[in-house]
Amino acid sequence: MAYEVSRALKCKNFFTERDENGKMTLRRGFVIEKGQRVLVVEDVVTTGGSVREVINLVKEAGGVVVGVGSIV
């Protein structure tokens, strides 16, 4: 879903995943630049915990979360 949203918006697409210790992280060479505007798109929301982790990851990297999207 996130890929299609980024394609429609004509912007970069990258994703997070859990590392071997269960920590949410950017992998596969993805980098968030300081001041970069980020839309977090989640395909499945249960408790919202993963979304909060990604928001924190973006902020720690210096990015700016401009919104969160999900299909319900």
PDB file of N, CA and C in Angstrom:
ATOM      1  N   MET A   1       0.813  -1.187   0.000  1.00  0.00           N
ATOM      2  CA  MET A   1       0.000   0.000   0.000  1.00  0.00           C
ATOM      3  C   MET A   1       0.865   1.262   0.000  1.00  0.00           C
ATOM      4  N   ALA A   2       1.896   1.280   0.813  1.00  0.00           N
ATOM      5  CA  ALA A   2       2.761   2.463   0.874  1.00  0.00           C
ATOM      6  C   ALA A   2       3.414   2.734  -0.471  1.00  0.00           C
ATOM      7  N   TYR A   3       3.787   1.682  -1.187  1.00  0.00           N
ATOM      8  CA  TYR A   3       4.405   1.864  -2.498  1.00  0.00           C
ATOM      9  C   TYR A   3       3.445   2.589  -3.445  1.00  0.00           C
ATOM     10  N   GLU A   4       2.205   2.169  -3.472  1.00  0.00           N
ATOM     11  CA  GLU A   4       1.234   2.788  -4.366  1.00  0.00           C
ATOM     12  C   GLU A   4       0.934   4.236  -3.970  1.00  0.00           C
ATOM     13  N   VAL A   5       0.912   4.517  -2.670  1.00  0.00           N
ATOM     14  CA  VAL A   5       0.712   5.896  -2.221  1.00  0.00           C
ATOM     15  C   VAL A   5       1.878   6.764  -2.695  1.00  0.00           C
ATOM     16  N   SER A   6       3.104   6.276  -2.533  1.00  0.00           N
ATOM     17  CA  SER A   6       4.265   7.067  -2.957  1.00  0.00           C
ATOM     18  C   SER A   6       4.286   7.228  -4.478  1.00  0.00           C
ATOM     19  N   ARG A   7       3.860   6.221  -5.191  1.00  0.00           N
ATOM     20  CA  ARG A   7       3.806   6.323  -6.652  1.00  0.00           C
ATOM     21  C   ARG A   7       2.796   7.392  -7.071  1.00  0.00           C
ATOM     22  N   ALA A   8       1.631   7.399  -6.426  1.00  0.00           N
ATOM     23  CA  ALA A   8       0.602   8.393  -6.740  1.00  0.00           C
ATOM     24  C   ALA A   8       1.055   9.809  -6.394  1.00  0.00           C
ATOM     25  N   LEU A   9       1.819   9.938  -5.305  1.00  0.00           N
ATOM     26  CA  LEU A   9       2.302  11.255  -4.872  1.00  0.00           C
ATOM     27  C   LEU A   9       3.611  11.652  -5.546  1.00  0.00           C
ATOM     28  N   LYS A  10       4.188  10.724  -6.325  1.00  0.00           N
ATOM     29  CA  LYS A  10       5.464  10.956  -7.011  1.00  0.00           C
ATOM     30  C   LYS A  10       6.570  11.359  -6.030  1.00  0.00           C
ATOM     31  N   CYS A  11       6.716  10.537  -5.001  1.00  0.00           N
ATOM     32  CA  CYS A  11       7.746  10.800  -3.998  1.00  0.00           C
ATOM     33  C   CYS A  11       8.496   9.498  -3.683  1.00  0.00           C
ATOM     34  N   LYS A  12       9.568   9.629  -2.915  1.00  0.00           N
ATOM     35  CA  LYS A  12      10.364   8.469  -2.526  1.00  0.00           C
ATOM     36  C   LYS A  12       9.543   7.504  -1.682  1.00  0.00           C
ATOM     37  N   ASN A  13       9.870   6.233  -1.816  1.00  0.00           N
ATOM     38  CA  ASN A  13       9.237   5.200  -1.013  1.00  0.00           C
ATOM     39  C   ASN A  13      10.325   4.420  -0.281  1.00  0.00           C
ATOM     40  N   PHE A  14      10.182   4.297   0.998  1.00  0.00           N
ATOM     41  CA  PHE A  14      11.063   3.423   1.754  1.00  0.00           C
ATOM     42  C   PHE A  14      10.271   2.848   2.901  1.00  0.00           C
ATOM     43  N   PHE A  15      10.812   1.829   3.523  1.00  0.00           N
ATOM     44  CA  PHE A  15      10.062   1.188   4.587  1.00  0.00           C
ATOM     45  C   PHE A  15      10.969   0.785   5.737  1.00  0.00           C
ATOM     46  N   THR A  16      10.336   0.509   6.836  1.00  0.00           N
ATOM     47  CA  THR A  16      11.054   0.050   8.019  1.00  0.00           C
ATOM     48  C   THR A  16      10.751  -1.425   8.220  1.00  0.00           C
ATOM     49  N   GLU A  17      11.603  -2.056   9.005  1.00  0.00           N
ATOM     50  CA  GLU A  17      11.387  -3.447   9.385  1.00  0.00           C
ATOM     51  C   GLU A  17      12.095  -3.692  10.702  1.00  0.00           C
ATOM     52  N   ARG A  18      11.728  -4.750  11.338  1.00  0.00           N
ATOM     53  CA  ARG A  18      12.355  -5.078  12.617  1.00  0.00           C
ATOM     54  C   ARG A  18      13.689  -5.775  12.377  1.00  0.00           C
ATOM     55  N   ASP A  19      14.686  -5.389  13.185  1.00  0.00           N
ATOM     56  CA  ASP A  19      15.972  -6.067  13.088  1.00  0.00           C
ATOM     57  C   ASP A  19      15.916  -7.375  13.876  1.00  0.00           C
ATOM     58  N   GLU A  20      17.025  -8.046  13.971  1.00  0.00           N
ATOM     59  CA  GLU A  20      17.076  -9.352  14.646  1.00  0.00           C
ATOM     60  C   GLU A  20      16.768  -9.259  16.146  1.00  0.00           C
ATOM     61  N   ASN A  21      16.823  -8.041  16.699  1.00  0.00           N
ATOM     62  CA  ASN A  21      16.494  -7.838  18.115  1.00  0.00           C
ATOM     63  C   ASN A  21      15.070  -7.328  18.318  1.00  0.00           C
ATOM     64  N   GLY A  22      14.305  -7.212  17.221  1.00  0.00           N
ATOM     65  CA  GLY A  22      12.931  -6.762  17.324  1.00  0.00           C
ATOM     66  C   GLY A  22      12.750  -5.254  17.301  1.00  0.00           C
ATOM     67  N   LYS A  23      13.852  -4.508  17.070  1.00  0.00           N
ATOM     68  CA  LYS A  23      13.771  -3.043  17.038  1.00  0.00           C
ATOM     69  C   LYS A  23      13.415  -2.571  15.626  1.00  0.00           C
ATOM     70  N   MET A  24      12.462  -1.638  15.534  1.00  0.00           N
ATOM     71  CA  MET A  24      12.077  -1.058  14.257  1.00  0.00           C
ATOM     72  C   MET A  24      13.226  -0.209  13.738  1.00  0.00           C
ATOM     73  N   THR A  25      13.579  -0.404  12.476  1.00  0.00           N
ATOM     74  CA  THR A  25      14.734   0.286  11.929  1.00  0.00           C
ATOM     75  C   THR A  25      14.601   0.482  10.428  1.00  0.00           C
ATOM     76  N   LEU A  26      15.336   1.457   9.912  1.00  0.00           N
ATOM     77  CA  LEU A  26      15.489   1.600   8.468  1.00  0.00           C
ATOM     78  C   LEU A  26      16.574   0.633   8.045  1.00  0.00           C
ATOM     79  N   ARG A  27      16.329  -0.106   7.009  1.00  0.00           N
ATOM     80  CA  ARG A  27      17.333  -1.048   6.535  1.00  0.00           C
ATOM     81  C   ARG A  27      17.449  -0.936   5.028  1.00  0.00           C
ATOM     82  N   ARG A  28      18.278  -1.773   4.452  1.00  0.00           N
ATOM     83  CA  ARG A  28      18.449  -1.851   2.996  1.00  0.00           C
ATOM     84  C   ARG A  28      18.937  -0.542   2.384  1.00  0.00           C
ATOM     85  N   GLY A  29      19.693   0.240   3.172  1.00  0.00           N
ATOM     86  CA  GLY A  29      20.282   1.457   2.634  1.00  0.00           C
ATOM     87  C   GLY A  29      19.385   2.685   2.627  1.00  0.00           C
ATOM     88  N   PHE A  30      18.186   2.599   3.196  1.00  0.00           N
ATOM     89  CA  PHE A  30      17.297   3.752   3.243  1.00  0.00           C
ATOM     90  C   PHE A  30      17.818   4.760   4.264  1.00  0.00           C
ATOM     91  N   VAL A  31      17.674   6.046   3.939  1.00  0.00           N
ATOM     92  CA  VAL A  31      18.144   7.118   4.809  1.00  0.00           C
ATOM     93  C   VAL A  31      17.089   8.227   4.838  1.00  0.00           C
ATOM     94  N   ILE A  32      16.814   8.744   6.017  1.00  0.00           N
ATOM     95  CA  ILE A  32      15.955   9.908   6.166  1.00  0.00           C
ATOM     96  C   ILE A  32      16.858  11.111   6.368  1.00  0.00           C
ATOM     97  N   GLU A  33      16.690  12.111   5.527  1.00  0.00           N
ATOM     98  CA  GLU A  33      17.513  13.305   5.619  1.00  0.00           C
ATOM     99  C   GLU A  33      16.898  14.291   6.603  1.00  0.00           C
ATOM    100  N   LYS A  34      17.761  15.074   7.240  1.00  0.00           N
ATOM    101  CA  LYS A  34      17.282  16.075   8.186  1.00  0.00           C
ATOM    102  C   LYS A  34      16.309  17.024   7.485  1.00  0.00           C
ATOM    103  N   GLY A  35      15.147  17.230   8.101  1.00  0.00           N
ATOM    104  CA  GLY A  35      14.135  18.109   7.547  1.00  0.00           C
ATOM    105  C   GLY A  35      13.239  17.466   6.498  1.00  0.00           C
ATOM    106  N   GLN A  36      13.545  16.231   6.124  1.00  0.00           N
ATOM    107  CA  GLN A  36      12.728  15.549   5.113  1.00  0.00           C
ATOM    108  C   GLN A  36      11.314  15.330   5.632  1.00  0.00           C
ATOM    109  N   ARG A  37      10.339  15.657   4.813  1.00  0.00           N
ATOM    110  CA  ARG A  37       8.932  15.484   5.169  1.00  0.00           C
ATOM    111  C   ARG A  37       8.534  14.047   4.874  1.00  0.00           C
ATOM    112  N   VAL A  38       7.892  13.401   5.850  1.00  0.00           N
ATOM    113  CA  VAL A  38       7.586  11.972   5.745  1.00  0.00           C
ATOM    114  C   VAL A  38       6.111  11.738   6.038  1.00  0.00           C
ATOM    115  N   LEU A  39       5.474  10.975   5.162  1.00  0.00           N
ATOM    116  CA  LEU A  39       4.120  10.495   5.393  1.00  0.00           C
ATOM    117  C   LEU A  39       4.239   9.030   5.765  1.00  0.00           C
ATOM    118  N   VAL A  40       3.793   8.671   6.948  1.00  0.00           N
ATOM    119  CA  VAL A  40       3.837   7.282   7.405  1.00  0.00           C
ATOM    120  C   VAL A  40       2.560   6.600   6.923  1.00  0.00           C
ATOM    121  N   VAL A  41       2.703   5.499   6.188  1.00  0.00           N
ATOM    122  CA  VAL A  41       1.559   4.756   5.675  1.00  0.00           C
ATOM    123  C   VAL A  41       1.629   3.335   6.214  1.00  0.00           C
ATOM    124  N   GLU A  42       0.574   2.918   6.863  1.00  0.00           N
ATOM    125  CA  GLU A  42       0.514   1.597   7.502  1.00  0.00           C
ATOM    126  C   GLU A  42      -0.599   0.791   6.854  1.00  0.00           C
ATOM    127  N   ASP A  43      -0.332  -0.483   6.579  1.00  0.00           N
ATOM    128  CA  ASP A  43      -1.358  -1.306   5.955  1.00  0.00           C
ATOM    129  C   ASP A  43      -2.286  -1.960   6.975  1.00  0.00           C
ATOM    130  N   VAL A  44      -1.765  -2.283   8.137  1.00  0.00           N
ATOM    131  CA  VAL A  44      -2.581  -2.921   9.173  1.00  0.00           C
ATOM    132  C   VAL A  44      -2.322  -2.206  10.496  1.00  0.00           C
ATOM    133  N   VAL A  45      -3.383  -1.734  11.130  1.00  0.00           N
ATOM    134  CA  VAL A  45      -3.238  -1.070  12.421  1.00  0.00           C
ATOM    135  C   VAL A  45      -4.030  -1.858  13.454  1.00  0.00           C
ATOM    136  N   THR A  46      -3.348  -2.252  14.503  1.00  0.00           N
ATOM    137  CA  THR A  46      -4.044  -2.909  15.616  1.00  0.00           C
ATOM    138  C   THR A  46      -3.978  -1.970  16.817  1.00  0.00           C
ATOM    139  N   THR A  47      -2.840  -1.933  17.482  1.00  0.00           N
ATOM    140  CA  THR A  47      -2.699  -1.064  18.652  1.00  0.00           C
ATOM    141  C   THR A  47      -2.105   0.298  18.307  1.00  0.00           C
ATOM    142  N   GLY A  48      -1.488   0.416  17.129  1.00  0.00           N
ATOM    143  CA  GLY A  48      -0.809   1.658  16.754  1.00  0.00           C
ATOM    144  C   GLY A  48       0.632   1.698  17.221  1.00  0.00           C
ATOM    145  N   GLY A  49       1.084   0.643  17.879  1.00  0.00           N
ATOM    146  CA  GLY A  49       2.449   0.614  18.412  1.00  0.00           C
ATOM    147  C   GLY A  49       3.519   0.731  17.334  1.00  0.00           C
ATOM    148  N   SER A  50       3.355   0.020  16.235  1.00  0.00           N
ATOM    149  CA  SER A  50       4.346   0.077  15.156  1.00  0.00           C
ATOM    150  C   SER A  50       4.388   1.460  14.530  1.00  0.00           C
ATOM    151  N   VAL A  51       3.218   2.080  14.366  1.00  0.00           N
ATOM    152  CA  VAL A  51       3.175   3.436  13.808  1.00  0.00           C
ATOM    153  C   VAL A  51       3.917   4.398  14.721  1.00  0.00           C
ATOM    154  N   ARG A  52       3.707   4.285  16.009  1.00  0.00           N
ATOM    155  CA  ARG A  52       4.421   5.159  16.965  1.00  0.00           C
ATOM    156  C   ARG A  52       5.928   4.927  16.875  1.00  0.00           C
ATOM    157  N   GLU A  53       6.345   3.672  16.733  1.00  0.00           N
ATOM    158  CA  GLU A  53       7.774   3.378  16.609  1.00  0.00           C
ATOM    159  C   GLU A  53       8.352   4.031  15.359  1.00  0.00           C
ATOM    160  N   VAL A  54       7.629   3.957  14.247  1.00  0.00           N
ATOM    161  CA  VAL A  54       8.116   4.559  12.999  1.00  0.00           C
ATOM    162  C   VAL A  54       8.164   6.081  13.131  1.00  0.00           C
ATOM    163  N   ILE A  55       7.154   6.674  13.735  1.00  0.00           N
ATOM    164  CA  ILE A  55       7.150   8.126  13.953  1.00  0.00           C
ATOM    165  C   ILE A  55       8.381   8.526  14.763  1.00  0.00           C
ATOM    166  N   ASN A  56       8.666   7.799  15.831  1.00  0.00           N
ATOM    167  CA  ASN A  56       9.846   8.101  16.647  1.00  0.00           C
ATOM    168  C   ASN A  56      11.133   7.929  15.859  1.00  0.00           C
ATOM    169  N   LEU A  57      11.197   6.904  15.019  1.00  0.00           N
ATOM    170  CA  LEU A  57      12.377   6.657  14.195  1.00  0.00           C
ATOM    171  C   LEU A  57      12.605   7.830  13.239  1.00  0.00           C
ATOM    172  N   VAL A  58      11.536   8.304  12.611  1.00  0.00           N
ATOM    173  CA  VAL A  58      11.634   9.438  11.683  1.00  0.00           C
ATOM    174  C   VAL A  58      12.127  10.674  12.426  1.00  0.00           C
ATOM    175  N   LYS A  59      11.544  10.958  13.579  1.00  0.00           N
ATOM    176  CA  LYS A  59      11.948  12.134  14.356  1.00  0.00           C
ATOM    177  C   LYS A  59      13.396  12.038  14.807  1.00  0.00           C
ATOM    178  N   GLU A  60      13.821  10.864  15.280  1.00  0.00           N
ATOM    179  CA  GLU A  60      15.204  10.678  15.720  1.00  0.00           C
ATOM    180  C   GLU A  60      16.191  10.893  14.577  1.00  0.00           C
ATOM    181  N   ALA A  61      15.765  10.580  13.345  1.00  0.00           N
ATOM    182  CA  ALA A  61      16.632  10.758  12.179  1.00  0.00           C
ATOM    183  C   ALA A  61      16.617  12.189  11.667  1.00  0.00           C
ATOM    184  N   GLY A  62      15.771  13.047  12.271  1.00  0.00           N
ATOM    185  CA  GLY A  62      15.705  14.443  11.858  1.00  0.00           C
ATOM    186  C   GLY A  62      14.605  14.735  10.856  1.00  0.00           C
ATOM    187  N   GLY A  63      13.796  13.719  10.534  1.00  0.00           N
ATOM    188  CA  GLY A  63      12.690  13.923   9.600  1.00  0.00           C
ATOM    189  C   GLY A  63      11.493  14.581  10.286  1.00  0.00           C
ATOM    190  N   VAL A  64      10.547  15.019   9.471  1.00  0.00           N
ATOM    191  CA  VAL A  64       9.342  15.676   9.961  1.00  0.00           C
ATOM    192  C   VAL A  64       8.137  14.853   9.507  1.00  0.00           C
ATOM    193  N   VAL A  65       7.396  14.300  10.448  1.00  0.00           N
ATOM    194  CA  VAL A  65       6.209  13.533  10.108  1.00  0.00           C
ATOM    195  C   VAL A  65       5.081  14.514   9.785  1.00  0.00           C
ATOM    196  N   VAL A  66       4.578  14.415   8.544  1.00  0.00           N
ATOM    197  CA  VAL A  66       3.513  15.333   8.115  1.00  0.00           C
ATOM    198  C   VAL A  66       2.129  14.685   8.186  1.00  0.00           C
ATOM    199  N   GLY A  67       2.101  13.376   8.409  1.00  0.00           N
ATOM    200  CA  GLY A  67       0.820  12.698   8.517  1.00  0.00           C
ATOM    201  C   GLY A  67       0.977  11.198   8.631  1.00  0.00           C
ATOM    202  N   VAL A  68      -0.123  10.542   8.953  1.00  0.00           N
ATOM    203  CA  VAL A  68      -0.163   9.093   9.022  1.00  0.00           C
ATOM    204  C   VAL A  68      -1.394   8.643   8.247  1.00  0.00           C
ATOM    205  N   GLY A  69      -1.218   7.651   7.381  1.00  0.00           N
ATOM    206  CA  GLY A  69      -2.334   7.154   6.597  1.00  0.00           C
ATOM    207  C   GLY A  69      -2.495   5.659   6.730  1.00  0.00           C
ATOM    208  N   SER A  70      -3.736   5.216   6.626  1.00  0.00           N
ATOM    209  CA  SER A  70      -4.050   3.796   6.683  1.00  0.00           C
ATOM    210  C   SER A  70      -5.397   3.579   6.023  1.00  0.00           C
ATOM    211  N   ILE A  71      -5.575   2.409   5.439  1.00  0.00           N
ATOM    212  CA  ILE A  71      -6.891   2.050   4.919  1.00  0.00           C
ATOM    213  C   ILE A  71      -7.572   1.186   5.970  1.00  0.00           C
ATOM    214  N   VAL A  72      -8.775   1.570   6.317  1.00  0.00           N
ATOM    215  CA  VAL A  72      -9.520   0.840   7.343  1.00  0.00           C
ATOM    216  C   VAL A  72     -10.651   0.072   6.685  1.00  0.00           C
TER     217      VAL A  72
END
